[in-house]
PDB file of N, CA and C in Angstrom:
ATOM      1  N   TRP A   1     204.802-194.737 221.635  1.00  0.00           N
ATOM      2  CA  TRP A   1     205.952-194.748 223.099  1.00  0.00           C
ATOM      3  C   TRP A   1     207.053-195.181 222.423  1.00  0.00           C
ATOM      4  N   LEU A   2     207.451-195.835 221.137  1.00  0.00           N
ATOM      5  CA  LEU A   2     208.752-196.409 220.705  1.00  0.00           C
ATOM      6  C   LEU A   2     209.353-194.970 220.122  1.00  0.00           C
ATOM      7  N   PHE A   3     208.559-194.292 219.244  1.00  0.00           N
ATOM      8  CA  PHE A   3     208.864-192.939 218.863  1.00  0.00           C
ATOM      9  C   PHE A   3     209.644-192.353 220.147  1.00  0.00           C
ATOM     10  N   ARG A   4     208.968-192.201 221.388  1.00  0.00           N
ATOM     11  CA  ARG A   4     209.302-191.514 222.240  1.00  0.00           C
ATOM     12  C   ARG A   4     210.439-191.814 222.976  1.00  0.00           C
ATOM     13  N   ILE A   5     210.761-192.918 222.946  1.00  0.00           N
ATOM     14  CA  ILE A   5     211.774-193.896 223.689  1.00  0.00           C
ATOM     15  C   ILE A   5     213.332-193.190 222.811  1.00  0.00           C
ATOM     16  N   GLY A   6     213.091-193.236 221.448  1.00  0.00           N
ATOM     17  CA  GLY A   6     214.060-192.743 220.523  1.00  0.00           C
ATOM     18  C   GLY A   6     214.547-191.337 220.902  1.00  0.00           C
ATOM     19  N   HIS A   7     213.508-190.777 220.934  1.00  0.00           N
ATOM     20  CA  HIS A   7     213.383-189.071 221.037  1.00  0.00           C
ATOM     21  C   HIS A   7     214.322-188.903 222.365  1.00  0.00           C
ATOM     22  N   ASN A   8     213.685-189.679 223.326  1.00  0.00           N
ATOM     23  CA  ASN A   8     214.627-189.381 224.762  1.00  0.00           C
ATOM     24  C   ASN A   8     215.787-189.677 224.751  1.00  0.00           C
ATOM     25  N   ASN A   9     216.244-190.890 223.898  1.00  0.00           N
ATOM     26  CA  ASN A   9     217.581-191.357 223.902  1.00  0.00           C
ATOM     27  C   ASN A   9     218.474-190.091 223.066  1.00  0.00           C
ATOM     28  N   PHE A  10     217.986-189.632 222.190  1.00  0.00           N
ATOM     29  CA  PHE A  10     218.543-188.720 221.190  1.00  0.00           C
ATOM     30  C   PHE A  10     218.987-187.628 222.106  1.00  0.00           C
ATOM     31  N   VAL A  11     217.958-186.904 222.894  1.00  0.00           N
ATOM     32  CA  VAL A  11     218.059-185.911 223.730  1.00  0.00           C
ATOM     33  C   VAL A  11     219.161-185.811 224.836  1.00  0.00           C
ATOM     34  N   ASN A  12     218.667-187.382 225.567  1.00  0.00           N
ATOM     35  CA  ASN A  12     219.834-187.416 226.629  1.00  0.00           C
ATOM     36  C   ASN A  12     221.237-187.501 225.998  1.00  0.00           C
ATOM     37  N   HIS A  13     221.364-187.972 225.319  1.00  0.00           N
ATOM     38  CA  HIS A  13     222.584-188.321 224.558  1.00  0.00           C
ATOM     39  C   HIS A  13     223.462-187.015 224.433  1.00  0.00           C
ATOM     40  N   HIS A  14     222.425-185.959 223.747  1.00  0.00           N
ATOM     41  CA  HIS A  14     223.299-184.705 223.400  1.00  0.00           C
ATOM     42  C   HIS A  14     223.099-183.813 224.266  1.00  0.00           C
ATOM     43  N   ARG A  15     222.073-183.872 225.260  1.00  0.00           N
ATOM     44  CA  ARG A  15     222.421-183.095 226.427  1.00  0.00           C
ATOM     45  C   ARG A  15     223.420-183.247 227.299  1.00  0.00           C
ATOM     46  N   GLY A  16     224.162-184.426 227.475  1.00  0.00           N
ATOM     47  CA  GLY A  16     224.952-184.807 228.574  1.00  0.00           C
ATOM     48  C   GLY A  16     226.394-184.722 227.649  1.00  0.00           C
ATOM     49  N   GLY A  17     226.175-184.669 226.221  1.00  0.00           N
ATOM     50  CA  GLY A  17     227.650-184.358 225.683  1.00  0.00           C
ATOM     51  C   GLY A  17     228.599-183.371 226.128  1.00  0.00           C
ATOM     52  N   GLY A  18     227.941-181.928 226.651  1.00  0.00           N
ATOM     53  CA  GLY A  18     228.901-181.018 226.919  1.00  0.00           C
ATOM     54  C   GLY A  18     229.394-181.286 228.064  1.00  0.00           C
ATOM     55  N   ARG A  19     229.131-182.015 229.085  1.00  0.00           N
ATOM     56  CA  ARG A  19     229.436-182.062 230.247  1.00  0.00           C
ATOM     57  C   ARG A  19     230.444-183.116 230.452  1.00  0.00           C
ATOM     58  N   GLN A  20     230.792-183.922 229.538  1.00  0.00           N
ATOM     59  CA  GLN A  20     231.593-185.166 229.879  1.00  0.00           C
ATOM     60  C   GLN A  20     232.911-184.568 229.665  1.00  0.00           C
ATOM     61  N   ILE A  21     233.952-185.140 230.468  1.00  0.00           N
ATOM     62  CA  ILE A  21     234.997-184.589 230.478  1.00  0.00           C
ATOM     63  C   ILE A  21     235.933-185.815 230.316  1.00  0.00           C
ATOM     64  N   LYS A  22     236.864-185.472 228.887  1.00  0.00           N
ATOM     65  CA  LYS A  22     237.459-186.452 228.361  1.00  0.00           C
ATOM     66  C   LYS A  22     238.935-186.825 228.781  1.00  0.00           C
ATOM     67  N   LEU A  23     239.443-187.723 229.817  1.00  0.00           N
ATOM     68  CA  LEU A  23     240.479-187.922 229.828  1.00  0.00           C
ATOM     69  C   LEU A  23     241.394-188.528 229.112  1.00  0.00           C
ATOM     70  N   PRO A  24     242.818-188.116 228.868  1.00  0.00           N
ATOM     71  CA  PRO A  24     243.765-189.294 228.172  1.00  0.00           C
ATOM     72  C   PRO A  24     243.808-190.660 228.561  1.00  0.00           C
ATOM     73  N   LEU A  25     244.133-191.319 227.857  1.00  0.00           N
ATOM     74  CA  LEU A  25     244.599-192.606 228.194  1.00  0.00           C
ATOM     75  C   LEU A  25     245.708-192.688 228.962  1.00  0.00           C
ATOM     76  N   SER A  26     246.065-193.336 230.194  1.00  0.00           N
ATOM     77  CA  SER A  26     247.163-193.553 230.883  1.00  0.00           C
ATOM     78  C   SER A  26     247.978-194.548 230.007  1.00  0.00           C
ATOM     79  N   ALA A  27     249.317-194.396 229.898  1.00  0.00           N
ATOM     80  CA  ALA A  27     250.020-195.369 228.960  1.00  0.00           C
ATOM     81  C   ALA A  27     250.265-196.917 229.805  1.00  0.00           C
ATOM     82  N   GLU A  28     250.137-196.958 231.162  1.00  0.00           N
ATOM     83  CA  GLU A  28     249.755-197.886 232.076  1.00  0.00           C
ATOM     84  C   GLU A  28     248.857-198.794 231.576  1.00  0.00           C
ATOM     85  N   ILE A  29     247.826-198.399 230.974  1.00  0.00           N
ATOM     86  CA  ILE A  29     246.575-199.296 230.860  1.00  0.00           C
ATOM     87  C   ILE A  29     246.979-199.749 229.454  1.00  0.00           C
ATOM     88  N   PRO A  30     247.149-201.294 229.400  1.00  0.00           N
ATOM     89  CA  PRO A  30     247.188-201.539 227.790  1.00  0.00           C
ATOM     90  C   PRO A  30     245.812-201.400 227.198  1.00  0.00           C
ATOM     91  N   GLU A  31     246.002-201.630 225.686  1.00  0.00           N
ATOM     92  CA  GLU A  31     244.891-201.183 224.935  1.00  0.00           C
ATOM     93  C   GLU A  31     244.572-202.550 224.300  1.00  0.00           C
ATOM     94  N   GLU A  32     243.151-202.478 224.590  1.00  0.00           N
ATOM     95  CA  GLU A  32     242.470-204.293 224.419  1.00  0.00           C
ATOM     96  C   GLU A  32     242.033-204.072 222.857  1.00  0.00           C
ATOM     97  N   ARG A  33     242.651-204.864 222.130  1.00  0.00           N
ATOM     98  CA  ARG A  33     242.558-205.002 220.527  1.00  0.00           C
ATOM     99  C   ARG A  33     241.533-206.414 220.128  1.00  0.00           C
ATOM    100  N   LEU A  34     240.279-206.115 219.547  1.00  0.00           N
ATOM    101  CA  LEU A  34     239.371-207.324 219.468  1.00  0.00           C
ATOM    102  C   LEU A  34     239.824-207.578 218.094  1.00  0.00           C
ATOM    103  N   GLY A  35     239.973-208.851 218.089  1.00  0.00           N
ATOM    104  CA  GLY A  35     240.102-209.443 216.936  1.00  0.00           C
ATOM    105  C   GLY A  35     239.062-209.840 216.205  1.00  0.00           C
ATOM    106  N   PRO A  36     238.999-210.115 214.832  1.00  0.00           N
ATOM    107  CA  PRO A  36     237.929-210.613 214.045  1.00  0.00           C
ATOM    108  C   PRO A  36     236.941-211.675 214.777  1.00  0.00           C
ATOM    109  N   GLU A  37     237.196-212.717 215.340  1.00  0.00           N
ATOM    110  CA  GLU A  37     236.570-213.576 215.977  1.00  0.00           C
ATOM    111  C   GLU A  37     235.762-212.897 216.985  1.00  0.00           C
ATOM    112  N   ASN A  38     236.663-212.004 217.908  1.00  0.00           N
ATOM    113  CA  ASN A  38     235.948-211.543 219.122  1.00  0.00           C
ATOM    114  C   ASN A  38     234.514-210.445 218.601  1.00  0.00           C
ATOM    115  N   GLU A  39     235.003-209.867 217.650  1.00  0.00           N
ATOM    116  CA  GLU A  39     234.049-208.692 217.053  1.00  0.00           C
ATOM    117  C   GLU A  39     232.729-209.448 216.498  1.00  0.00           C
ATOM    118  N   VAL A  40     233.052-210.344 215.817  1.00  0.00           N
ATOM    119  CA  VAL A  40     231.756-211.615 215.364  1.00  0.00           C
ATOM    120  C   VAL A  40     231.028-212.249 216.403  1.00  0.00           C
ATOM    121  N   LEU A  41     231.816-212.492 217.599  1.00  0.00           N
ATOM    122  CA  LEU A  41     230.749-213.140 218.757  1.00  0.00           C
ATOM    123  C   LEU A  41     230.246-211.980 219.290  1.00  0.00           C
ATOM    124  N   ASP A  42     230.837-210.763 219.538  1.00  0.00           N
ATOM    125  CA  ASP A  42     230.075-209.936 219.930  1.00  0.00           C
ATOM    126  C   ASP A  42     228.836-209.504 219.548  1.00  0.00           C
ATOM    127  N   ARG A  43     229.055-209.156 218.141  1.00  0.00           N
ATOM    128  CA  ARG A  43     227.946-208.449 217.112  1.00  0.00           C
ATOM    129  C   ARG A  43     226.734-209.817 217.442  1.00  0.00           C
ATOM    130  N   GLU A  44     227.115-211.186 217.315  1.00  0.00           N
ATOM    131  CA  GLU A  44     226.393-212.249 217.477  1.00  0.00           C
ATOM    132  C   GLU A  44     225.548-212.185 218.864  1.00  0.00           C
ATOM    133  N   SER A  45     226.053-212.052 219.827  1.00  0.00           N
ATOM    134  CA  SER A  45     225.700-211.849 221.176  1.00  0.00           C
ATOM    135  C   SER A  45     224.770-210.673 221.224  1.00  0.00           C
ATOM    136  N   VAL A  46     225.033-209.701 220.650  1.00  0.00           N
ATOM    137  CA  VAL A  46     224.025-208.567 220.505  1.00  0.00           C
ATOM    138  C   VAL A  46     222.770-208.896 219.754  1.00  0.00           C
ATOM    139  N   ARG A  47     223.057-209.656 218.855  1.00  0.00           N
ATOM    140  CA  ARG A  47     221.501-209.773 218.043  1.00  0.00           C
ATOM    141  C   ARG A  47     220.895-210.752 218.741  1.00  0.00           C
ATOM    142  N   LEU A  48     221.509-211.982 219.577  1.00  0.00           N
ATOM    143  CA  LEU A  48     220.565-212.660 220.253  1.00  0.00           C
ATOM    144  C   LEU A  48     219.954-212.182 221.401  1.00  0.00           C
ATOM    145  N   VAL A  49     220.340-211.154 221.703  1.00  0.00           N
ATOM    146  CA  VAL A  49     219.575-210.379 222.949  1.00  0.00           C
ATOM    147  C   VAL A  49     218.574-209.531 222.553  1.00  0.00           C
ATOM    148  N   ILE A  50     218.662-208.923 221.427  1.00  0.00           N
ATOM    149  CA  ILE A  50     217.774-208.007 220.412  1.00  0.00           C
ATOM    150  C   ILE A  50     216.596-209.184 220.092  1.00  0.00           C
ATOM    151  N   GLU A  51     217.071-210.182 219.306  1.00  0.00           N
ATOM    152  CA  GLU A  51     215.995-211.296 219.329  1.00  0.00           C
ATOM    153  C   GLU A  51     215.066-211.648 220.514  1.00  0.00           C
ATOM    154  N   ALA A  52     215.935-212.171 221.422  1.00  0.00           N
ATOM    155  CA  ALA A  52     215.122-212.293 222.682  1.00  0.00           C
ATOM    156  C   ALA A  52     214.198-211.103 223.290  1.00  0.00           C
ATOM    157  N   ILE A  53     214.659-209.772 223.293  1.00  0.00           N
ATOM    158  CA  ILE A  53     213.916-209.009 223.432  1.00  0.00           C
ATOM    159  C   ILE A  53     212.697-208.903 222.548  1.00  0.00           C
ATOM    160  N   HIS A  54     212.955-209.081 221.470  1.00  0.00           N
ATOM    161  CA  HIS A  54     211.624-208.931 220.538  1.00  0.00           C
ATOM    162  C   HIS A  54     210.708-210.087 220.871  1.00  0.00           C
ATOM    163  N   LYS A  55     211.050-211.284 221.185  1.00  0.00           N
ATOM    164  CA  LYS A  55     210.386-212.417 221.594  1.00  0.00           C
ATOM    165  C   LYS A  55     209.515-211.946 222.767  1.00  0.00           C
ATOM    166  N   LEU A  56     209.548-211.076 223.545  1.00  0.00           N
ATOM    167  CA  LEU A  56     208.962-211.111 224.767  1.00  0.00           C
ATOM    168  C   LEU A  56     207.657-209.898 224.293  1.00  0.00           C
ATOM    169  N   PRO A  57     206.384-210.470 225.350  1.00  0.00           N
ATOM    170  CA  PRO A  57     205.187-210.039 225.320  1.00  0.00           C
ATOM    171  C   PRO A  57     205.429-208.166 225.153  1.00  0.00           C
ATOM    172  N   SER A  58     204.574-207.569 224.421  1.00  0.00           N
ATOM    173  CA  SER A  58     204.875-205.901 224.419  1.00  0.00           C
ATOM    174  C   SER A  58     204.953-205.316 225.914  1.00  0.00           C
ATOM    175  N   GLN A  59     203.884-205.714 226.615  1.00  0.00           N
ATOM    176  CA  GLN A  59     203.689-205.433 227.935  1.00  0.00           C
ATOM    177  C   GLN A  59     205.134-205.446 228.616  1.00  0.00           C
ATOM    178  N   PHE A  60     205.812-206.415 228.490  1.00  0.00           N
ATOM    179  CA  PHE A  60     206.697-206.830 229.435  1.00  0.00           C
ATOM    180  C   PHE A  60     207.989-205.921 228.809  1.00  0.00           C
ATOM    181  N   ARG A  61     208.083-206.091 227.426  1.00  0.00           N
ATOM    182  CA  ARG A  61     209.043-205.477 226.765  1.00  0.00           C
ATOM    183  C   ARG A  61     209.270-203.914 226.782  1.00  0.00           C
ATOM    184  N   ALA A  62     208.012-203.161 227.047  1.00  0.00           N
ATOM    185  CA  ALA A  62     207.961-201.671 227.040  1.00  0.00           C
ATOM    186  C   ALA A  62     208.557-201.274 228.481  1.00  0.00           C
ATOM    187  N   ALA A  63     208.247-202.334 229.257  1.00  0.00           N
ATOM    188  CA  ALA A  63     208.524-201.963 230.933  1.00  0.00           C
ATOM    189  C   ALA A  63     210.011-202.272 231.003  1.00  0.00           C
ATOM    190  N   LEU A  64     210.685-203.262 230.482  1.00  0.00           N
ATOM    191  CA  LEU A  64     212.253-203.592 230.173  1.00  0.00           C
ATOM    192  C   LEU A  64     212.831-202.329 229.426  1.00  0.00           C
ATOM    193  N   LEU A  65     212.322-201.905 228.448  1.00  0.00           N
ATOM    194  CA  LEU A  65     212.942-200.910 227.721  1.00  0.00           C
ATOM    195  C   LEU A  65     213.175-199.817 228.057  1.00  0.00           C
ATOM    196  N   LEU A  66     212.228-199.081 228.887  1.00  0.00           N
ATOM    197  CA  LEU A  66     211.923-197.690 229.551  1.00  0.00           C
ATOM    198  C   LEU A  66     212.999-197.897 230.555  1.00  0.00           C
ATOM    199  N   ARG A  67     212.908-198.882 231.270  1.00  0.00           N
ATOM    200  CA  ARG A  67     214.069-199.186 232.732  1.00  0.00           C
ATOM    201  C   ARG A  67     215.421-199.527 232.237  1.00  0.00           C
ATOM    202  N   ALA A  68     215.715-199.922 231.121  1.00  0.00           N
ATOM    203  CA  ALA A  68     217.266-200.375 230.652  1.00  0.00           C
ATOM    204  C   ALA A  68     217.451-198.959 229.779  1.00  0.00           C
ATOM    205  N   GLU A  69     216.990-198.878 228.667  1.00  0.00           N
ATOM    206  CA  GLU A  69     217.299-197.833 227.571  1.00  0.00           C
ATOM    207  C   GLU A  69     217.034-196.371 228.142  1.00  0.00           C
ATOM    208  N   GLU A  70     215.793-196.401 228.463  1.00  0.00           N
ATOM    209  CA  GLU A  70     215.555-194.756 229.147  1.00  0.00           C
ATOM    210  C   GLU A  70     215.987-194.398 230.477  1.00  0.00           C
ATOM    211  N   GLY A  71     216.597-195.289 231.163  1.00  0.00           N
ATOM    212  CA  GLY A  71     216.930-195.161 232.992  1.00  0.00           C
ATOM    213  C   GLY A  71     215.756-194.699 233.454  1.00  0.00           C
ATOM    214  N   LEU A  72     214.524-194.848 233.156  1.00  0.00           N
ATOM    215  CA  LEU A  72     213.385-194.496 234.344  1.00  0.00           C
ATOM    216  C   LEU A  72     213.040-195.019 235.457  1.00  0.00           C
ATOM    217  N   SER A  73     212.497-194.279 236.303  1.00  0.00           N
ATOM    218  CA  SER A  73     212.439-195.161 237.651  1.00  0.00           C
ATOM    219  C   SER A  73     210.986-195.922 237.282  1.00  0.00           C
ATOM    220  N   PHE A  74     210.653-196.892 238.267  1.00  0.00           N
ATOM    221  CA  PHE A  74     209.216-197.587 237.858  1.00  0.00           C
ATOM    222  C   PHE A  74     208.123-196.581 238.399  1.00  0.00           C
ATOM    223  N   LYS A  75     208.325-195.427 238.932  1.00  0.00           N
ATOM    224  CA  LYS A  75     207.103-194.523 238.881  1.00  0.00           C
ATOM    225  C   LYS A  75     206.681-193.813 237.884  1.00  0.00           C
ATOM    226  N   GLU A  76     208.057-193.266 237.269  1.00  0.00           N
ATOM    227  CA  GLU A  76     208.094-193.027 235.792  1.00  0.00           C
ATOM    228  C   GLU A  76     207.292-193.712 234.858  1.00  0.00           C
ATOM    229  N   ILE A  77     207.872-194.802 234.968  1.00  0.00           N
ATOM    230  CA  ILE A  77     207.430-196.121 233.987  1.00  0.00           C
ATOM    231  C   ILE A  77     205.944-196.084 234.242  1.00  0.00           C
ATOM    232  N   ALA A  78     205.449-196.111 235.254  1.00  0.00           N
ATOM    233  CA  ALA A  78     204.252-196.361 235.679  1.00  0.00           C
ATOM    234  C   ALA A  78     203.183-195.559 235.237  1.00  0.00           C
ATOM    235  N   GLU A  79     204.013-193.963 235.085  1.00  0.00           N
ATOM    236  CA  GLU A  79     202.923-192.842 234.545  1.00  0.00           C
ATOM    237  C   GLU A  79     202.926-193.027 233.079  1.00  0.00           C
ATOM    238  N   VAL A  80     204.082-193.471 232.392  1.00  0.00           N
ATOM    239  CA  VAL A  80     204.036-193.575 230.921  1.00  0.00           C
ATOM    240  C   VAL A  80     203.321-194.810 230.228  1.00  0.00           C
ATOM    241  N   LEU A  81     203.046-195.883 231.162  1.00  0.00           N
ATOM    242  CA  LEU A  81     202.283-197.013 230.502  1.00  0.00           C
ATOM    243  C   LEU A  81     200.780-197.099 231.277  1.00  0.00           C
ATOM    244  N   ASP A  82     200.604-196.009 232.105  1.00  0.00           N
ATOM    245  CA  ASP A  82     199.330-195.748 232.789  1.00  0.00           C
ATOM    246  C   ASP A  82     199.029-197.159 233.570  1.00  0.00           C
ATOM    247  N   LEU A  83     200.062-197.276 234.440  1.00  0.00           N
ATOM    248  CA  LEU A  83     199.936-198.686 235.615  1.00  0.00           C
ATOM    249  C   LEU A  83     200.165-198.028 237.001  1.00  0.00           C
ATOM    250  N   THR A  84     200.030-199.066 237.938  1.00  0.00           N
ATOM    251  CA  THR A  84     200.463-198.686 239.262  1.00  0.00           C
ATOM    252  C   THR A  84     201.908-198.940 239.357  1.00  0.00           C
ATOM    253  N   GLU A  85     202.780-198.135 240.319  1.00  0.00           N
ATOM    254  CA  GLU A  85     203.936-198.119 240.592  1.00  0.00           C
ATOM    255  C   GLU A  85     204.588-199.830 240.814  1.00  0.00           C
ATOM    256  N   GLU A  86     203.468-200.439 241.668  1.00  0.00           N
ATOM    257  CA  GLU A  86     203.762-202.053 241.552  1.00  0.00           C
ATOM    258  C   GLU A  86     203.643-202.769 240.513  1.00  0.00           C
ATOM    259  N   THR A  87     202.994-202.489 239.754  1.00  0.00           N
ATOM    260  CA  THR A  87     202.805-203.248 238.330  1.00  0.00           C
ATOM    261  C   THR A  87     203.911-203.038 237.361  1.00  0.00           C
ATOM    262  N   ALA A  88     204.103-201.822 237.411  1.00  0.00           N
ATOM    263  CA  ALA A  88     205.576-201.484 236.577  1.00  0.00           C
ATOM    264  C   ALA A  88     206.901-202.172 236.982  1.00  0.00           C
ATOM    265  N   ARG A  89     206.998-202.358 238.508  1.00  0.00           N
ATOM    266  CA  ARG A  89     208.106-203.315 239.174  1.00  0.00           C
ATOM    267  C   ARG A  89     207.798-204.662 238.774  1.00  0.00           C
ATOM    268  N   TRP A  90     206.847-205.456 238.827  1.00  0.00           N
ATOM    269  CA  TRP A  90     206.510-206.451 238.704  1.00  0.00           C
ATOM    270  C   TRP A  90     206.674-206.805 237.103  1.00  0.00           C
ATOM    271  N   ARG A  91     206.285-205.821 236.109  1.00  0.00           N
ATOM    272  CA  ARG A  91     206.395-206.050 234.558  1.00  0.00           C
ATOM    273  C   ARG A  91     207.782-206.150 234.247  1.00  0.00           C
ATOM    274  N   GLY A  92     208.577-205.256 235.081  1.00  0.00           N
ATOM    275  CA  GLY A  92     210.043-205.278 234.881  1.00  0.00           C
ATOM    276  C   GLY A  92     210.703-206.468 235.141  1.00  0.00           C
ATOM    277  N   PHE A  93     210.505-207.088 236.490  1.00  0.00           N
ATOM    278  CA  PHE A  93     210.878-207.755 236.963  1.00  0.00           C
ATOM    279  C   PHE A  93     210.408-209.487 236.048  1.00  0.00           C
ATOM    280  N   LYS A  94     209.369-209.423 235.684  1.00  0.00           N
ATOM    281  CA  LYS A  94     208.931-210.525 234.468  1.00  0.00           C
ATOM    282  C   LYS A  94     209.829-210.468 233.386  1.00  0.00           C
ATOM    283  N   ALA A  95     209.991-209.431 232.719  1.00  0.00           N
ATOM    284  CA  ALA A  95     210.662-209.063 231.692  1.00  0.00           C
ATOM    285  C   ALA A  95     211.828-209.642 231.799  1.00  0.00           C
ATOM    286  N   ARG A  96     212.842-209.335 232.881  1.00  0.00           N
ATOM    287  CA  ARG A  96     214.261-209.990 233.096  1.00  0.00           C
ATOM    288  C   ARG A  96     213.983-211.600 232.944  1.00  0.00           C
ATOM    289  N   GLN A  97     213.117-211.997 234.056  1.00  0.00           N
ATOM    290  CA  GLN A  97     213.033-213.288 234.138  1.00  0.00           C
ATOM    291  C   GLN A  97     212.581-214.105 232.753  1.00  0.00           C
ATOM    292  N   LYS A  98     211.747-213.461 232.144  1.00  0.00           N
ATOM    293  CA  LYS A  98     211.328-214.350 230.630  1.00  0.00           C
ATOM    294  C   LYS A  98     212.706-213.905 229.920  1.00  0.00           C
ATOM    295  N   LEU A  99     213.271-212.891 229.617  1.00  0.00           N
ATOM    296  CA  LEU A  99     214.266-212.405 228.885  1.00  0.00           C
ATOM    297  C   LEU A  99     215.526-213.826 229.516  1.00  0.00           C
ATOM    298  N   MET A 100     215.874-213.956 230.328  1.00  0.00           N
ATOM    299  CA  MET A 100     216.725-215.009 230.755  1.00  0.00           C
ATOM    300  C   MET A 100     216.424-216.110 230.309  1.00  0.00           C
ATOM    301  N   SER A 101     215.090-216.644 230.531  1.00  0.00           N
ATOM    302  CA  SER A 101     214.529-218.095 230.074  1.00  0.00           C
ATOM    303  C   SER A 101     214.865-218.204 228.829  1.00  0.00           C
ATOM    304  N   VAL A 102     214.898-217.187 227.907  1.00  0.00           N
ATOM    305  CA  VAL A 102     214.952-217.337 226.401  1.00  0.00           C
ATOM    306  C   VAL A 102     216.326-217.316 226.053  1.00  0.00           C
ATOM    307  N   LEU A 103     217.202-216.434 226.845  1.00  0.00           N
ATOM    308  CA  LEU A 103     218.714-216.575 226.321  1.00  0.00           C
ATOM    309  C   LEU A 103     219.450-217.738 227.288  1.00  0.00           C
ATOM    310  N   ALA A 104     218.789-218.194 228.207  1.00  0.00           N
ATOM    311  CA  ALA A 104     219.455-219.593 228.611  1.00  0.00           C
ATOM    312  C   ALA A 104     220.236-220.353 227.792  1.00  0.00           C
ATOM    313  N   PRO A 105     219.353-221.146 226.772  1.00  0.00           N
ATOM    314  CA  PRO A 105     220.132-222.173 226.148  1.00  0.00           C
ATOM    315  C   PRO A 105     221.242-221.618 225.334  1.00  0.00           C
ATOM    316  N   GLU A 106     221.091-220.298 225.112  1.00  0.00           N
ATOM    317  CA  GLU A 106     222.199-219.993 224.505  1.00  0.00           C
ATOM    318  C   GLU A 106     223.639-219.608 225.367  1.00  0.00           C
ATOM    319  N   LEU A 107     223.134-219.335 226.819  1.00  0.00           N
ATOM    320  CA  LEU A 107     224.223-218.966 227.600  1.00  0.00           C
ATOM    321  C   LEU A 107     225.051-220.620 228.221  1.00  0.00           C
ATOM    322  N   GLN A 108     224.562-221.624 227.888  1.00  0.00           N
ATOM    323  CA  GLN A 108     225.027-222.926 228.500  1.00  0.00           C
ATOM    324  C   GLN A 108     226.099-223.138 227.707  1.00  0.00           C
ATOM    325  N   PRO A 109     227.181-223.692 227.976  1.00  0.00           N
ATOM    326  CA  PRO A 109     228.588-223.869 227.626  1.00  0.00           C
ATOM    327  C   PRO A 109     228.399-225.303 226.428  1.00  0.00           C
ATOM    328  N   ALA A 110     229.372-225.052 225.418  1.00  0.00           N
ATOM    329  CA  ALA A 110     229.041-226.063 224.363  1.00  0.00           C
ATOM    330  C   ALA A 110     229.511-227.530 225.103  1.00  0.00           C
ATOM    331  N   PRO A 111     228.768-228.556 225.000  1.00  0.00           N
ATOM    332  CA  PRO A 111     229.450-229.918 225.512  1.00  0.00           C
ATOM    333  C   PRO A 111     230.768-230.235 224.708  1.00  0.00           C
ATOM    334  N   PRO A 112     231.790-230.521 225.454  1.00  0.00           N
ATOM    335  CA  PRO A 112     232.937-231.161 224.744  1.00  0.00           C
ATOM    336  C   PRO A 112     232.775-232.277 223.605  1.00  0.00           C
ATOM    337  N   PRO A 113     233.437-231.946 222.861  1.00  0.00           N
ATOM    338  CA  PRO A 113     233.269-232.961 221.569  1.00  0.00           C
ATOM    339  C   PRO A 113     233.621-234.250 222.041  1.00  0.00           C
ATOM    340  N   GLU A 114     232.785-235.294 221.658  1.00  0.00           N
ATOM    341  CA  GLU A 114     233.137-236.699 221.802  1.00  0.00           C
ATOM    342  C   GLU A 114     234.313-237.449 221.202  1.00  0.00           C
ATOM    343  N   SER A 115     235.090-237.938 221.858  1.00  0.00           N
ATOM    344  CA  SER A 115     236.249-238.682 220.960  1.00  0.00           C
ATOM    345  C   SER A 115     236.111-239.944 220.801  1.00  0.00           C
ATOM    346  N   LYS A 116     236.504-240.416 219.657  1.00  0.00           N
ATOM    347  CA  LYS A 116     236.178-241.879 219.004  1.00  0.00           C
ATOM    348  C   LYS A 116     237.301-242.804 218.808  1.00  0.00           C
TER     349      LYS A 116
END
């Protein structure tokens, strides 16, 4: 199923490429430049999410990836995983719930430094 996800992503990406209309950026929109610090933080955030996804049980991870990456409906997920639609919905819900519980400690703001 992992190969199929990759294949579908590739096909979807190339299928929609011809229909996209690229508009020039307006001079009114300020260009946001990320500094090295922001780029490192972004990469670190992506790494944390990927690690959290890998910590999910495979049954939940499959439902989450099919929904988030492939954009499949719960009915389609149920067909791919040979489940009922209700079970596919439940696994997607539990996957998000488990993902948030894994990421929750990382989302907490750092405590202020103590002054001595």
